Amino acid sequence: MVSAAVDKAVFLLKDAHQSPMDAQRSLKGYYPQMGFTERLDHVRAAYAVIRGGRRVQRPAVSELQQPSSFMVAHERHGFTD
């Protein structure tokens, strides 16, 4: 099982709020070499991850996503609302 595909399925189910059927279809776009049953197994594993509460590695938040840093950069460059 490809862990990146499971993580992508977790993202599709949890963050993108897709149904398991839609997540399985979306995985086809990301991993066209996978067959139907493989994609289905990855979505099932992702559902187990969500229900089991395992933490999925996420990239670190950039400074500009922090409200205080964004505001400082905004003021530094003279942007106004």
Protein backbone atom coordinates (compact mmCIF):
# COMPACT_ATOMS: atom_id res chain seq x y z
CA MET A 1 0.00 0.00 0.00
CA VAL A 2 1.33 3.44 -0.93
CA SER A 3 1.41 5.67 2.16
CA ALA A 4 1.25 8.83 0.01
CA ALA A 5 -2.00 7.55 -1.53
CA VAL A 6 -3.44 6.87 1.93
CA ASP A 7 -2.45 10.38 3.05
CA LYS A 8 -4.05 11.84 -0.10
CA ALA A 9 -7.22 9.85 0.60
CA VAL A 10 -7.24 11.15 4.20
CA PHE A 11 -6.98 14.68 2.82
CA LEU A 12 -9.82 14.07 0.38
CA LEU A 13 -12.09 12.56 3.03
CA LYS A 14 -11.30 14.84 5.95
CA ASP A 15 -10.17 18.19 4.56
CA ALA A 16 -11.92 18.25 1.18
CA HIS A 17 -15.07 16.67 2.68
CA GLN A 18 -15.49 14.18 -0.15
CA SER A 19 -17.54 11.03 0.17
CA PRO A 20 -15.62 7.73 0.05
CA MET A 21 -16.89 7.14 -3.48
CA ASP A 22 -15.75 10.59 -4.64
CA ALA A 23 -12.38 10.14 -2.89
CA GLN A 24 -11.91 6.83 -4.70
CA ARG A 25 -12.66 8.53 -8.02
CA SER A 26 -10.33 11.43 -7.21
CA LEU A 27 -7.48 9.04 -6.42
CA LYS A 28 -7.73 7.85 -10.02
CA GLY A 29 -6.63 11.32 -11.13
CA TYR A 30 -3.65 11.33 -8.77
CA TYR A 31 -2.66 7.68 -9.30
CA PRO A 32 -3.88 6.55 -12.74
CA GLN A 33 -1.82 3.35 -12.57
CA MET A 34 -3.88 2.05 -9.62
CA GLY A 35 -6.77 -0.26 -10.24
CA PHE A 36 -10.24 0.11 -8.77
CA THR A 37 -9.67 -2.35 -5.91
CA GLU A 38 -6.33 -0.75 -4.98
CA ARG A 39 -7.93 2.69 -4.79
CA LEU A 40 -10.78 1.25 -2.76
CA ASP A 41 -8.30 -0.33 -0.32
CA HIS A 42 -6.50 3.00 0.07
CA VAL A 43 -9.76 4.83 0.81
CA ARG A 44 -10.70 2.15 3.36
CA ALA A 45 -7.28 2.53 5.02
CA ALA A 46 -7.73 6.31 5.07
CA TYR A 47 -11.16 5.92 6.66
CA ALA A 48 -9.58 3.68 9.31
CA VAL A 49 -6.91 6.34 9.92
CA ILE A 50 -9.58 9.00 10.42
CA ARG A 51 -11.64 6.81 12.72
CA GLY A 52 -8.56 5.57 14.57
CA GLY A 53 -7.23 9.05 15.16
CA ARG A 54 -3.73 8.46 13.75
CA ARG A 55 -1.96 11.72 13.04
CA VAL A 56 -1.14 12.42 9.41
CA GLN A 57 2.04 14.38 8.69
CA ARG A 58 1.19 17.86 7.46
CA PRO A 59 3.65 20.42 6.13
CA ALA A 60 4.62 23.15 8.54
CA VAL A 61 2.57 26.33 8.47
CA SER A 62 4.32 29.13 6.64
CA GLU A 63 4.89 32.46 8.34
CA LEU A 64 2.45 34.21 6.03
CA GLN A 65 -0.35 31.92 7.19
CA GLN A 66 0.13 33.19 10.73
CA PRO A 67 -2.13 36.23 11.20
CA SER A 68 0.48 38.29 13.06
CA SER A 69 3.23 37.64 10.48
CA PHE A 70 0.89 38.33 7.60
CA MET A 71 -0.08 41.68 9.12
CA VAL A 72 3.56 42.66 9.66
CA ALA A 73 4.43 41.82 6.04
CA HIS A 74 1.33 43.68 4.91
CA GLU A 75 2.39 46.81 6.79
CA ARG A 76 6.04 46.48 5.77
CA HIS A 77 5.15 46.68 2.11
CA GLY A 78 2.69 49.52 2.58
CA PHE A 79 -0.44 47.63 1.63
CA THR A 80 -3.63 49.08 3.00
CA ASP A 81 -7.17 47.84 2.95
